[in-house]
């Protein structure tokens, strides 16, 4: 606690502080530590996704062959270099703390997120990181390796705070340089690119979360940002905080890279390459049906002055799109050659050529799923069955698995109260005019369970920091099936457990039903930077009751 000579009174104060610290550590529940680990894993995954997005954006800039793109690519690389160094420093701090606190747990049950990082052995420790950021000295770590993060001239905690704020400034300076560059903000385009860059910098400077400021009015008993966030939090909370700042740095890098990409063509968005495209809804038709195809330029222009022919015959053009039609007469493969004539730069005419094929086939059974070739357990899976030239009353349909139900509109529902197989074959036969029963075809469908929905607090998702004010106005929790092919499939929240994790410890409440009203008294006492967690979420849907994955996030 302190070196040199101390008075009996000071020794007593030091001893009381140690006892208080031990009591605080004992009061950090396992639930909070697990919540911190879930948050840390969520932030690590989010950071990985942002880095992949940034790589794609830089590759897109590199594909542009002009001076503006080269300049934008250079500044995007600078932003990446700054963010890379910041992440390396944060990873070094984590490595030091893991070495000081026995690392992470090894058992499978301690891996709360598959493929993520396990819980810390001493996640509830309140002392080791305080010593590291404020007091720790020495040439080597406990494992004998040199310190990964060893700033000179100041305490580590102060150095971390300075590094966060310095990284923010360095990243924003990248846009300052781009504003002055003659190939970007300084080029002669009526100031459009410069205005875009300046507005982007101002917006990012105001909204970025990559900042570590001391409170204007310090809380009693605390000494600013370092004391509040690095000293008086459990070790697991510090790891979640460090992961949060890595995520903030990569997010700011992403915003800067996206802005630079926009700046490349801020004042010039013109098509300079042409290609002939033939788009047909169907490449095969029955005898007697009409084949249709759209013929257009890839660099589409509704006012393009062009002529189109197909096999030498003129094609009707409407708003820059050629409308080609042909009637199928005899079965077999048909082809046609398209020629597009369009005026080019300087009055030069360009001729573009393309070929397309389609098939004409005789009547046969057509079996189609109204959604996809998948049947879902617990749902009414609609299918349509038709045989050209055969009265629907003379068509018979059967399934190898599941129950078949004929609908009033002539279609069918395939039902699976439970999953007893992995696939079902739909077979069709038809009674012909001469009394013969003919096999008209079959189709194999996969059988799958309806995917598990995700939890939402009203309109609030949990893939990024949550705005406290937005959460407070939400009325009901929902179970959402994202991008599911069937419409109208609903799940209802029956119950959940909510925990608000603030400076005064966790505040849990068990809620029956979907209403968010019971959690609002807890939310009213919380502040940005604190954590929330929904667990034990029970919902009911077409296949009965299920439990949803836990959802957690950081308030902002």
Protein backbone atom coordinates (compact mmCIF):
# COMPACT_ATOMS: atom_id res chain seq x y z
CA UNK A 1 0.00 0.00 0.00
CA UNK A 2 2.79 2.46 0.92
CA UNK A 3 6.53 2.36 1.49
CA UNK A 4 8.80 3.94 4.12
CA UNK A 5 7.89 4.81 7.69
CA UNK A 6 4.20 5.03 8.56
CA UNK A 7 2.37 6.09 11.72
CA UNK A 8 0.20 3.59 13.63
CA UNK A 9 -2.86 5.53 12.41
CA UNK A 10 -1.75 5.23 8.77
CA UNK A 11 -1.04 1.52 9.22
CA UNK A 12 -4.58 1.07 10.57
CA UNK A 13 -6.01 2.97 7.58
CA UNK A 14 -3.98 0.78 5.20
CA UNK A 15 -5.23 -2.37 6.89
CA UNK A 16 -8.84 -1.16 6.69
CA UNK A 17 -8.39 -0.48 2.96
CA UNK A 18 -7.13 -4.03 2.42
CA UNK A 19 -10.09 -5.46 4.33
CA UNK A 20 -12.52 -3.28 2.30
CA UNK A 21 -10.93 -4.38 -0.96
CA UNK A 22 -11.29 -8.02 0.09
CA UNK A 23 -14.96 -7.47 0.95
CA UNK A 24 -15.56 -5.77 -2.40
CA UNK A 25 -13.98 -8.72 -4.15
CA UNK A 26 -16.22 -11.13 -2.24
CA UNK A 27 -19.30 -9.14 -3.27
CA UNK A 28 -18.54 -9.41 -7.01
CA UNK A 29 -20.97 -12.19 -7.98
CA UNK A 30 -20.23 -14.95 -10.47
CA UNK A 31 -23.11 -13.63 -12.55
CA UNK A 32 -21.37 -10.28 -13.04
CA UNK A 33 -18.08 -11.94 -13.97
CA UNK A 34 -19.85 -14.11 -16.55
CA UNK A 35 -21.58 -11.02 -17.90
CA UNK A 36 -18.24 -9.29 -18.33
CA UNK A 37 -16.90 -12.35 -20.18
CA UNK A 38 -19.95 -12.37 -22.50
CA UNK A 39 -19.42 -8.67 -23.21
CA UNK A 40 -15.71 -9.22 -23.86
CA UNK A 41 -16.47 -12.03 -26.33
CA UNK A 42 -19.15 -9.97 -28.05
CA UNK A 43 -16.76 -7.05 -28.50
CA UNK A 44 -13.95 -9.31 -29.80
CA UNK A 45 -16.31 -10.80 -32.42
CA UNK A 46 -17.55 -7.36 -33.41
CA UNK A 47 -13.97 -6.10 -33.77
CA UNK A 48 -13.09 -9.05 -36.00
CA UNK A 49 -16.06 -8.27 -38.25
CA UNK A 50 -15.13 -4.59 -38.49
CA UNK A 51 -11.54 -5.49 -39.45
CA UNK A 52 -12.82 -7.74 -42.25
CA UNK A 53 -15.09 -4.93 -43.45
CA UNK A 54 -12.15 -2.50 -43.42
CA UNK A 55 -10.02 -4.92 -45.48
CA UNK A 56 -12.79 -5.15 -48.09
CA UNK A 57 -13.12 -1.36 -48.24
CA UNK A 58 -9.38 -0.89 -48.81
CA UNK A 59 -9.42 -3.53 -51.58
CA UNK A 60 -12.33 -1.71 -53.24
CA UNK A 61 -10.39 1.56 -53.17
CA UNK A 62 -7.32 -0.16 -54.63
CA UNK A 63 -9.36 -1.34 -57.65
CA UNK A 64 -9.94 2.26 -58.75
CA UNK A 65 -7.25 3.36 -61.18
CA UNK A 66 -6.90 7.11 -60.61
CA UNK A 67 -4.85 9.51 -58.49
CA UNK A 68 -7.70 10.16 -56.05
CA UNK A 69 -7.97 6.44 -55.31
CA UNK A 70 -4.21 6.13 -54.78
CA UNK A 71 -4.28 9.02 -52.29
CA UNK A 72 -7.34 7.58 -50.49
CA UNK A 73 -5.65 4.17 -50.30
CA UNK A 74 -2.55 5.73 -48.75
CA UNK A 75 -4.57 7.44 -45.99
CA UNK A 76 -6.67 4.31 -45.39
CA UNK A 77 -3.42 2.38 -44.85
CA UNK A 78 -2.27 5.06 -42.38
CA UNK A 79 -5.50 4.73 -40.41
CA UNK A 80 -5.05 0.94 -40.32
CA UNK A 81 -1.46 1.30 -39.11
CA UNK A 82 -2.59 3.54 -36.23
CA UNK A 83 -5.41 1.17 -35.24
CA UNK A 84 -3.08 -1.86 -35.55
CA UNK A 85 -0.59 -0.32 -33.10
CA UNK A 86 -3.38 0.56 -30.68
CA UNK A 87 -4.76 -3.00 -30.76
CA UNK A 88 -1.24 -4.40 -30.28
CA UNK A 89 -0.75 -2.24 -27.18
CA UNK A 90 -4.13 -3.27 -25.74
CA UNK A 91 -3.33 -6.95 -26.38
CA UNK A 92 -0.01 -6.42 -24.60
CA UNK A 93 -1.78 -5.03 -21.54
CA UNK A 94 -4.10 -8.05 -21.50
CA UNK A 95 -1.10 -10.40 -21.78
CA UNK A 96 0.56 -8.70 -18.79
CA UNK A 97 -2.59 -8.93 -16.66
CA UNK A 98 -3.19 -12.58 -17.57
CA UNK A 99 0.39 -13.40 -16.54
CA UNK A 100 -0.15 -11.63 -13.19
CA UNK A 101 -3.54 -13.27 -12.51
CA UNK A 102 -3.05 -16.95 -13.50
CA UNK A 103 -4.47 -16.54 -17.02
CA UNK A 104 -7.79 -18.01 -18.15
CA UNK A 105 -9.73 -21.12 -17.10
CA UNK A 106 -9.21 -24.34 -19.04
CA UNK A 107 -12.45 -26.30 -18.58
CA UNK A 108 -14.97 -26.46 -21.49
CA UNK A 109 -17.78 -25.09 -19.30
CA UNK A 110 -15.71 -21.93 -18.76
CA UNK A 111 -15.96 -21.15 -22.48
CA UNK A 112 -19.27 -19.24 -22.44
CA UNK A 113 -19.04 -18.40 -26.16
CA UNK A 114 -18.02 -21.13 -28.60
CA UNK A 115 -14.78 -20.15 -30.30
CA UNK A 116 -14.30 -17.18 -27.98
CA UNK A 117 -12.11 -16.58 -24.93
CA UNK A 118 -12.66 -18.39 -21.62
CA UNK A 119 -13.32 -16.73 -18.28
CA UNK A 120 -10.36 -15.39 -16.33
CA UNK A 121 -9.13 -17.48 -13.40
CA UNK A 122 -9.20 -14.37 -11.19
CA UNK A 123 -12.00 -12.46 -12.91
CA UNK A 124 -13.20 -11.06 -9.58
CA UNK A 125 -9.74 -9.87 -8.49
CA UNK A 126 -9.73 -6.19 -7.43
CA UNK A 127 -6.02 -5.75 -6.66
CA UNK A 128 -3.70 -7.13 -9.34
CA UNK A 129 -4.71 -4.66 -12.06
CA UNK A 130 -4.77 -1.74 -9.63
CA UNK A 131 -1.13 -2.48 -8.79
CA UNK A 132 -0.30 -2.91 -12.49
CA UNK A 133 -1.79 0.42 -13.57
CA UNK A 134 -0.77 2.46 -10.50
CA UNK A 135 2.06 0.78 -8.56
CA UNK A 136 3.65 -2.23 -10.28
CA UNK A 137 7.41 -1.92 -10.89
CA UNK A 138 10.16 -4.33 -11.81
CA UNK A 139 12.10 -5.63 -14.78
CA UNK A 140 9.95 -8.68 -15.57
CA UNK A 141 6.49 -10.16 -15.12
CA UNK A 142 5.82 -13.05 -12.76
CA UNK A 143 6.33 -15.50 -15.61
CA UNK A 144 9.83 -14.09 -16.26
CA UNK A 145 8.93 -12.39 -19.55
CA UNK A 146 9.41 -8.65 -20.08
CA UNK A 147 6.39 -6.35 -19.78
CA UNK A 148 4.37 -6.14 -23.00
CA UNK A 149 3.29 -2.61 -22.12
CA UNK A 150 6.02 -0.59 -20.43
CA UNK A 151 5.60 3.19 -20.92
CA UNK A 152 8.25 5.55 -19.58
CA UNK A 153 7.78 8.72 -17.60
CA UNK A 154 4.30 8.02 -16.21
CA UNK A 155 2.14 5.38 -14.54
CA UNK A 156 0.66 2.75 -16.84
CA UNK A 157 -2.91 3.90 -16.11
CA UNK A 158 -2.09 7.45 -17.20
CA UNK A 159 -0.26 6.09 -20.24
CA UNK A 160 -3.33 4.02 -21.25
CA UNK A 161 -5.58 7.07 -20.96
CA UNK A 162 -3.13 9.15 -23.00
CA UNK A 163 -2.85 6.37 -25.60
CA UNK A 164 -6.64 6.20 -26.08
CA UNK A 165 -7.00 9.94 -26.53
CA UNK A 166 -3.85 10.16 -28.66
CA UNK A 167 -5.07 7.39 -30.99
CA UNK A 168 -8.33 9.26 -31.49
CA UNK A 169 -6.45 12.42 -32.43
CA UNK A 170 -4.03 10.55 -34.73
CA UNK A 171 -6.90 8.89 -36.60
CA UNK A 172 -8.75 12.17 -37.08
CA UNK A 173 -5.53 13.79 -38.34
CA UNK A 174 -5.60 11.30 -41.22
CA UNK A 175 -8.69 13.14 -42.50
CA UNK A 176 -6.92 16.49 -41.97
CA UNK A 177 -4.16 15.31 -44.31
CA UNK A 178 -6.72 14.06 -46.85
CA UNK A 179 -8.48 17.45 -46.79
CA UNK A 180 -5.23 19.15 -47.81
CA UNK A 181 -4.18 16.54 -50.39
CA UNK A 182 -4.36 17.96 -53.97
CA UNK A 183 -5.84 14.68 -55.22
CA UNK A 184 -8.67 14.65 -52.64
CA UNK A 185 -9.84 17.66 -50.61
CA UNK A 186 -7.54 20.02 -52.49
CA UNK A 187 -8.59 19.09 -56.04
CA UNK A 188 -10.53 21.44 -58.28
CA UNK A 189 -14.09 20.06 -58.06
CA UNK A 190 -15.93 23.07 -56.66
CA UNK A 191 -15.00 22.00 -53.14
CA UNK A 192 -17.35 18.99 -53.09
CA UNK A 193 -14.71 16.50 -51.90
CA UNK A 194 -13.29 18.95 -49.34
CA UNK A 195 -16.77 19.58 -47.94
CA UNK A 196 -17.45 15.83 -47.67
CA UNK A 197 -14.19 15.24 -45.77
CA UNK A 198 -14.64 18.23 -43.46
CA UNK A 199 -18.21 17.29 -42.52
CA UNK A 200 -17.17 13.69 -41.93
CA UNK A 201 -14.30 14.71 -39.63
CA UNK A 202 -16.53 17.01 -37.61
CA UNK A 203 -19.17 14.30 -37.22
CA UNK A 204 -16.65 11.61 -36.23
CA UNK A 205 -14.93 13.87 -33.71
CA UNK A 206 -18.28 14.43 -31.99
CA UNK A 207 -19.66 10.90 -32.00
CA UNK A 208 -16.62 8.58 -31.61
CA UNK A 209 -16.56 6.56 -28.40
CA UNK A 210 -12.74 6.35 -28.53
CA UNK A 211 -12.21 8.77 -25.66
CA UNK A 212 -11.05 8.50 -22.04
CA UNK A 213 -11.88 11.68 -20.17
CA UNK A 214 -11.88 12.49 -16.48
CA UNK A 215 -15.32 13.39 -15.21
CA UNK A 216 -15.89 17.15 -14.99
CA UNK A 217 -17.08 16.62 -11.42
CA UNK A 218 -15.20 13.67 -9.91
CA UNK A 219 -17.14 11.19 -7.83
CA UNK A 220 -16.30 11.30 -4.16
CA UNK A 221 -13.54 8.85 -3.34
CA UNK A 222 -12.36 8.46 -6.98
CA UNK A 223 -9.47 10.10 -8.81
CA UNK A 224 -10.68 10.42 -12.40
CA UNK A 225 -10.88 8.05 -15.38
CA UNK A 226 -7.92 5.84 -14.37
CA UNK A 227 -9.19 5.34 -10.83
CA UNK A 228 -12.80 4.80 -11.82
CA UNK A 229 -12.33 2.39 -14.72
CA UNK A 230 -8.94 0.74 -14.21
CA UNK A 231 -8.60 0.63 -10.44
CA UNK A 232 -12.09 0.19 -8.99
CA UNK A 233 -13.47 -2.47 -11.35
CA UNK A 234 -13.05 -6.26 -11.15
CA UNK A 235 -10.38 -7.71 -13.46
CA UNK A 236 -13.03 -9.16 -15.81
CA UNK A 237 -14.56 -5.69 -16.13
CA UNK A 238 -11.17 -4.21 -17.07
CA UNK A 239 -10.74 -6.82 -19.84
CA UNK A 240 -14.22 -5.98 -21.19
CA UNK A 241 -13.33 -2.27 -21.09
CA UNK A 242 -10.04 -2.81 -22.95
CA UNK A 243 -11.88 -4.85 -25.62
CA UNK A 244 -14.41 -2.04 -25.90
CA UNK A 245 -11.69 0.51 -26.69
CA UNK A 246 -10.15 -1.80 -29.32
CA UNK A 247 -13.61 -2.01 -30.90
CA UNK A 248 -13.95 1.80 -30.76
CA UNK A 249 -10.59 2.27 -32.53
CA UNK A 250 -11.51 -0.16 -35.31
CA UNK A 251 -14.94 1.49 -35.67
CA UNK A 252 -13.34 4.91 -36.09
CA UNK A 253 -10.88 3.41 -38.61
CA UNK A 254 -13.88 1.96 -40.49
CA UNK A 255 -15.67 5.31 -40.62
CA UNK A 256 -12.53 7.03 -41.89
CA UNK A 257 -11.93 4.36 -44.55
CA UNK A 258 -15.55 4.59 -45.74
CA UNK A 259 -15.26 8.37 -45.94
CA UNK A 260 -12.07 8.12 -48.01
CA UNK A 261 -13.82 5.68 -50.36
CA UNK A 262 -16.67 8.14 -50.87
CA UNK A 263 -14.16 10.94 -51.51
CA UNK A 264 -12.69 9.11 -54.52
CA UNK A 265 -15.82 9.78 -56.59
CA UNK A 266 -17.47 12.52 -54.58
CA UNK A 267 -17.95 14.75 -57.63
CA UNK A 268 -17.72 12.20 -60.45
CA UNK A 269 -20.13 9.29 -60.71
CA UNK A 270 -20.17 8.24 -64.36
CA UNK A 271 -20.30 4.90 -66.12
CA UNK A 272 -17.31 4.36 -68.38
CA UNK A 273 -17.72 0.70 -69.38
CA UNK A 274 -20.51 -1.01 -71.26
CA UNK A 275 -21.62 -4.65 -71.47
CA UNK A 276 -24.56 -6.39 -73.06
CA UNK A 277 -26.81 -8.24 -70.60
CA UNK A 278 -29.71 -10.56 -71.37
CA UNK A 279 -31.96 -11.18 -68.38
CA UNK A 280 -34.68 -13.84 -68.67
CA UNK A 281 -36.98 -14.93 -65.81
CA UNK A 282 -37.11 -18.45 -67.27
CA UNK A 283 -34.71 -20.30 -69.55
CA UNK A 284 -37.18 -23.10 -70.29
CA UNK A 285 -40.82 -22.97 -71.37
CA UNK A 286 -43.59 -25.39 -72.34
CA UNK A 287 -44.98 -25.71 -75.81
CA UNK A 288 -47.46 -22.92 -76.42
CA UNK A 289 -45.92 -20.63 -73.77
CA UNK A 290 -44.17 -17.34 -74.57
CA UNK A 291 -40.49 -16.78 -73.81
CA UNK A 292 -39.59 -13.31 -72.53
CA UNK A 293 -36.23 -11.67 -71.86
CA UNK A 294 -34.92 -8.20 -70.93
CA UNK A 295 -31.95 -6.95 -72.96
CA UNK A 296 -30.06 -3.99 -71.51
CA UNK A 297 -26.72 -2.29 -70.99
CA UNK A 298 -24.97 -3.16 -67.74
CA UNK A 299 -24.21 0.56 -67.30
CA UNK A 300 -27.91 1.20 -67.42
CA UNK A 301 -29.23 4.49 -68.80
CA UNK A 302 -32.95 4.86 -69.34
CA UNK A 303 -32.33 7.59 -71.97
CA UNK A 304 -29.72 5.67 -73.93
CA UNK A 305 -30.15 6.12 -77.71
CA UNK A 306 -29.58 2.58 -78.93
CA UNK A 307 -30.80 0.02 -81.45
CA UNK A 308 -31.25 -3.67 -80.60
CA UNK A 309 -31.70 -6.66 -82.88
CA UNK A 310 -32.19 -10.36 -82.09
CA UNK A 311 -31.23 -12.75 -84.90
CA UNK A 312 -31.39 -9.70 -87.21
CA UNK A 313 -34.94 -8.66 -86.25
CA UNK A 314 -35.56 -5.34 -84.50
CA UNK A 315 -36.42 -5.50 -80.79
CA UNK A 316 -38.84 -3.08 -79.13
CA UNK A 317 -37.12 -0.69 -76.67
CA UNK A 318 -38.85 0.81 -73.65
CA UNK A 319 -36.92 3.24 -71.39
CA UNK A 320 -33.59 1.79 -72.44
CA UNK A 321 -34.62 -1.87 -72.09
CA UNK A 322 -35.12 -4.18 -75.05
CA UNK A 323 -38.23 -6.39 -74.80
CA UNK A 324 -37.63 -9.67 -76.64
CA UNK A 325 -40.40 -12.25 -77.05
CA UNK A 326 -40.52 -15.63 -78.81
CA UNK A 327 -43.15 -18.38 -78.80
CA UNK A 328 -42.06 -21.96 -78.17
CA UNK A 329 -43.24 -24.18 -81.02
CA UNK A 330 -41.18 -27.38 -81.01
CA UNK A 331 -39.32 -28.96 -78.07
CA UNK A 332 -35.56 -28.47 -77.90
CA UNK A 333 -32.84 -25.88 -77.19
CA UNK A 334 -33.22 -22.49 -78.86
CA UNK A 335 -30.62 -19.73 -79.19
CA UNK A 336 -30.58 -16.15 -80.41
CA UNK A 337 -27.89 -13.53 -81.01
CA UNK A 338 -28.33 -9.96 -79.81
CA UNK A 339 -26.62 -6.89 -81.29
CA UNK A 340 -26.75 -3.54 -79.47
CA UNK A 341 -25.65 -0.37 -81.28
CA UNK A 342 -25.07 2.68 -79.05
CA UNK A 343 -23.39 6.06 -79.67
CA UNK A 344 -20.03 6.41 -77.90
CA UNK A 345 -17.80 9.37 -76.98
CA UNK A 346 -16.96 11.72 -79.85
CA UNK A 347 -19.76 10.37 -82.03
CA UNK A 348 -18.14 6.96 -82.38
CA UNK A 349 -20.62 4.07 -82.53
CA UNK A 350 -20.11 1.02 -80.34
CA UNK A 351 -21.50 -2.42 -81.19
CA UNK A 352 -22.05 -4.90 -78.37
CA UNK A 353 -22.90 -8.54 -79.03
CA UNK A 354 -24.32 -11.24 -76.74
CA UNK A 355 -25.92 -14.67 -77.12
CA UNK A 356 -28.55 -16.46 -75.04
CA UNK A 357 -30.22 -19.87 -75.03
CA UNK A 358 -33.49 -21.24 -73.71
CA UNK A 359 -35.24 -24.61 -73.77
CA UNK A 360 -38.71 -25.61 -74.88
CA UNK A 361 -40.03 -28.78 -73.23
CA UNK A 362 -43.26 -30.80 -73.53
CA UNK A 363 -45.92 -30.78 -70.77
CA UNK A 364 -44.98 -32.44 -67.50
CA UNK A 365 -45.73 -32.13 -63.79
CA UNK A 366 -44.53 -28.96 -62.09
CA UNK A 367 -43.96 -29.19 -58.34
CA UNK A 368 -42.83 -26.05 -56.58
CA UNK A 369 -42.46 -25.05 -52.96
CA UNK A 370 -44.13 -21.73 -52.23
CA UNK A 371 -41.06 -20.77 -50.16
CA UNK A 372 -37.97 -23.01 -50.68
CA UNK A 373 -37.27 -26.74 -51.07
CA UNK A 374 -37.47 -27.07 -47.31
CA UNK A 375 -40.29 -28.25 -45.08
CA UNK A 376 -40.30 -26.88 -41.52
CA UNK A 377 -41.50 -28.81 -38.49
CA UNK A 378 -44.56 -27.23 -36.86
CA UNK A 379 -45.50 -25.06 -39.88
CA UNK A 380 -48.02 -25.34 -42.70
CA UNK A 381 -45.66 -25.84 -45.65
CA UNK A 382 -47.60 -24.82 -48.78
CA UNK A 383 -46.87 -26.41 -52.17
CA UNK A 384 -48.48 -26.01 -55.57
CA UNK A 385 -48.83 -28.97 -57.94
CA UNK A 386 -49.98 -28.72 -61.55
CA UNK A 387 -49.86 -30.90 -64.67
CA UNK A 388 -50.41 -29.09 -67.96
CA UNK A 389 -53.48 -30.36 -69.82
CA UNK A 390 -54.78 -32.44 -66.86
CA UNK A 391 -57.83 -31.56 -64.76
CA UNK A 392 -56.69 -30.93 -61.14
CA UNK A 393 -59.31 -33.44 -60.00
CA UNK A 394 -57.36 -36.18 -61.82
CA UNK A 395 -54.03 -35.35 -60.12
CA UNK A 396 -52.89 -37.34 -57.07
CA UNK A 397 -50.16 -36.16 -54.69
CA UNK A 398 -48.37 -38.13 -51.96
CA UNK A 399 -45.50 -37.55 -49.55
CA UNK A 400 -42.99 -40.08 -48.17
CA UNK A 401 -42.90 -38.35 -44.78
CA UNK A 402 -45.32 -35.96 -43.09
CA UNK A 403 -49.06 -35.38 -43.50
CA UNK A 404 -50.63 -33.96 -46.67
CA UNK A 405 -53.58 -31.57 -46.41
CA UNK A 406 -55.48 -30.23 -49.43
CA UNK A 407 -56.41 -26.55 -49.22
CA UNK A 408 -59.64 -24.96 -50.54
CA UNK A 409 -57.63 -23.05 -53.17
CA UNK A 410 -56.36 -26.31 -54.73
CA UNK A 411 -52.87 -26.14 -53.21
CA UNK A 412 -51.52 -28.40 -50.47
CA UNK A 413 -50.03 -28.06 -47.00
CA UNK A 414 -47.38 -30.52 -45.86
CA UNK A 415 -47.41 -30.86 -42.06
CA UNK A 416 -44.82 -32.24 -39.63
CA UNK A 417 -46.01 -32.30 -35.99
CA UNK A 418 -42.53 -33.66 -35.13
CA UNK A 419 -39.32 -34.28 -37.03
CA UNK A 420 -39.14 -37.99 -37.84
CA UNK A 421 -36.97 -37.84 -40.98
CA UNK A 422 -34.47 -35.58 -42.74
CA UNK A 423 -36.27 -35.43 -46.10
CA UNK A 424 -39.64 -35.98 -47.73
CA UNK A 425 -40.34 -36.85 -51.36
CA UNK A 426 -43.43 -35.35 -53.02
CA UNK A 427 -44.71 -37.62 -55.83
CA UNK A 428 -47.34 -36.80 -58.47
CA UNK A 429 -49.45 -39.11 -60.64
CA UNK A 430 -52.17 -38.18 -63.13
CA UNK A 431 -55.12 -40.03 -64.58
CA UNK A 432 -55.04 -39.55 -68.34
CA UNK A 433 -58.02 -39.32 -70.69
CA UNK A 434 -57.69 -42.98 -71.74
CA UNK A 435 -57.85 -44.12 -68.10
CA UNK A 436 -54.12 -44.76 -67.66
CA UNK A 437 -52.44 -43.52 -64.45
CA UNK A 438 -49.02 -42.02 -65.25
CA UNK A 439 -46.16 -41.00 -62.98
CA UNK A 440 -45.60 -37.29 -63.67
CA UNK A 441 -42.53 -36.75 -61.50
CA UNK A 442 -41.33 -36.22 -57.94
CA UNK A 443 -39.35 -33.70 -55.90
CA UNK A 444 -37.21 -34.13 -52.79
CA UNK A 445 -37.56 -31.62 -49.93
CA UNK A 446 -35.40 -31.24 -46.84
CA UNK A 447 -37.05 -31.33 -43.41
CA UNK A 448 -35.72 -28.79 -40.95
CA UNK A 449 -36.64 -27.28 -37.59
CA UNK A 450 -37.61 -23.62 -37.53
CA UNK A 451 -34.44 -21.68 -36.61
CA UNK A 452 -34.19 -20.25 -33.12
CA UNK A 453 -35.28 -16.59 -32.99
CA UNK A 454 -33.15 -13.85 -31.44
CA UNK A 455 -34.13 -11.65 -28.53
CA UNK A 456 -34.88 -7.95 -29.02
CA UNK A 457 -35.84 -5.38 -26.45
CA UNK A 458 -38.47 -3.75 -28.64
CA UNK A 459 -36.49 -2.32 -31.56
CA UNK A 460 -33.18 -2.62 -29.71
CA UNK A 461 -30.64 -5.20 -30.92
CA UNK A 462 -27.54 -6.21 -28.94
CA UNK A 463 -24.83 -6.17 -31.62
CA UNK A 464 -23.55 -2.73 -30.59
CA UNK A 465 -23.66 -0.35 -27.58
CA UNK A 466 -27.24 0.41 -26.54
CA UNK A 467 -28.58 3.94 -26.20
CA UNK A 468 -30.10 4.16 -22.73
CA UNK A 469 -32.77 6.69 -23.74
CA UNK A 470 -33.85 4.50 -26.67
CA UNK A 471 -34.13 1.42 -24.44
CA UNK A 472 -36.24 3.28 -21.87
CA UNK A 473 -39.02 3.98 -24.40
CA UNK A 474 -39.37 0.36 -25.59
CA UNK A 475 -42.54 -1.34 -24.41
CA UNK A 476 -42.23 -5.06 -25.10
CA UNK A 477 -39.60 -7.73 -25.63
CA UNK A 478 -39.82 -9.68 -28.89
CA UNK A 479 -38.44 -12.90 -30.36
CA UNK A 480 -37.41 -12.14 -33.94
CA UNK A 481 -36.80 -14.62 -36.75
CA UNK A 482 -34.22 -12.80 -38.83
CA UNK A 483 -34.30 -13.34 -42.61
CA UNK A 484 -36.58 -16.37 -42.29
CA UNK A 485 -38.15 -17.39 -45.59
CA UNK A 486 -41.69 -17.83 -44.20
CA UNK A 487 -43.65 -14.73 -43.32
CA UNK A 488 -46.02 -14.59 -40.38
CA UNK A 489 -44.16 -17.11 -38.18
CA UNK A 490 -44.25 -15.61 -34.71
CA UNK A 491 -42.74 -16.36 -31.32
CA UNK A 492 -44.04 -14.80 -28.12
CA UNK A 493 -41.88 -14.01 -25.08
CA UNK A 494 -43.30 -15.73 -22.00
CA UNK A 495 -40.73 -14.73 -19.37
CA UNK A 496 -37.18 -13.49 -18.89
CA UNK A 497 -34.68 -12.36 -16.28
CA UNK A 498 -33.19 -8.88 -16.50
CA UNK A 499 -30.03 -7.77 -14.65
CA UNK A 500 -28.73 -4.21 -14.57
CA UNK A 501 -25.05 -4.15 -13.62
CA UNK A 502 -24.12 -0.71 -12.34
CA UNK A 503 -21.73 0.86 -9.89
CA UNK A 504 -23.81 -0.39 -6.96
CA UNK A 505 -23.79 -4.00 -8.06
CA UNK A 506 -26.31 -6.11 -9.97
CA UNK A 507 -30.04 -5.40 -9.86
CA UNK A 508 -31.95 -8.47 -11.13
CA UNK A 509 -35.67 -8.82 -11.78
CA UNK A 510 -37.67 -11.81 -13.05
CA UNK A 511 -40.42 -10.84 -15.48
CA UNK A 512 -43.43 -12.87 -16.59
CA UNK A 513 -44.68 -11.92 -20.04
CA UNK A 514 -43.09 -9.69 -22.68
CA UNK A 515 -43.55 -6.29 -21.06
CA UNK A 516 -40.43 -4.18 -20.47
CA UNK A 517 -42.18 -2.01 -17.88
CA UNK A 518 -40.79 -4.01 -14.88
CA UNK A 519 -37.18 -3.19 -15.88
CA UNK A 520 -37.65 0.56 -16.27
CA UNK A 521 -37.20 1.40 -12.56
CA UNK A 522 -33.77 -0.28 -12.79
CA UNK A 523 -32.93 1.51 -16.06
CA UNK A 524 -33.81 4.89 -14.51
CA UNK A 525 -30.96 4.45 -12.01
CA UNK A 526 -28.36 3.39 -14.60
CA UNK A 527 -25.84 5.45 -16.54
CA UNK A 528 -23.97 5.15 -19.83
CA UNK A 529 -21.02 2.76 -19.62
CA UNK A 530 -22.89 0.31 -17.39
CA UNK A 531 -24.08 -3.14 -18.46
CA UNK A 532 -27.40 -4.91 -18.91
CA UNK A 533 -28.17 -8.59 -19.46
CA UNK A 534 -31.29 -10.57 -20.41
CA UNK A 535 -31.11 -14.27 -19.47
CA UNK A 536 -33.44 -17.25 -18.96
CA UNK A 537 -35.53 -16.02 -21.90
CA UNK A 538 -38.48 -18.32 -22.58
CA UNK A 539 -40.57 -18.01 -25.74
CA UNK A 540 -43.30 -20.06 -27.40
CA UNK A 541 -43.74 -20.61 -31.13
CA UNK A 542 -45.19 -23.04 -33.67
CA UNK A 543 -43.17 -25.99 -32.30
CA UNK A 544 -43.78 -25.18 -28.63
CA UNK A 545 -41.76 -23.43 -25.90
CA UNK A 546 -38.00 -22.81 -26.26
CA UNK A 547 -35.27 -20.89 -24.47
CA UNK A 548 -33.49 -18.11 -26.39
CA UNK A 549 -29.81 -17.19 -26.18
CA UNK A 550 -28.90 -14.57 -23.59
CA UNK A 551 -28.50 -10.96 -24.74
CA UNK A 552 -26.24 -8.35 -23.15
CA UNK A 553 -24.77 -5.00 -23.96
CA UNK A 554 -23.14 -1.77 -22.86
CA UNK A 555 -25.27 1.34 -22.31
CA UNK A 556 -24.27 4.59 -23.93
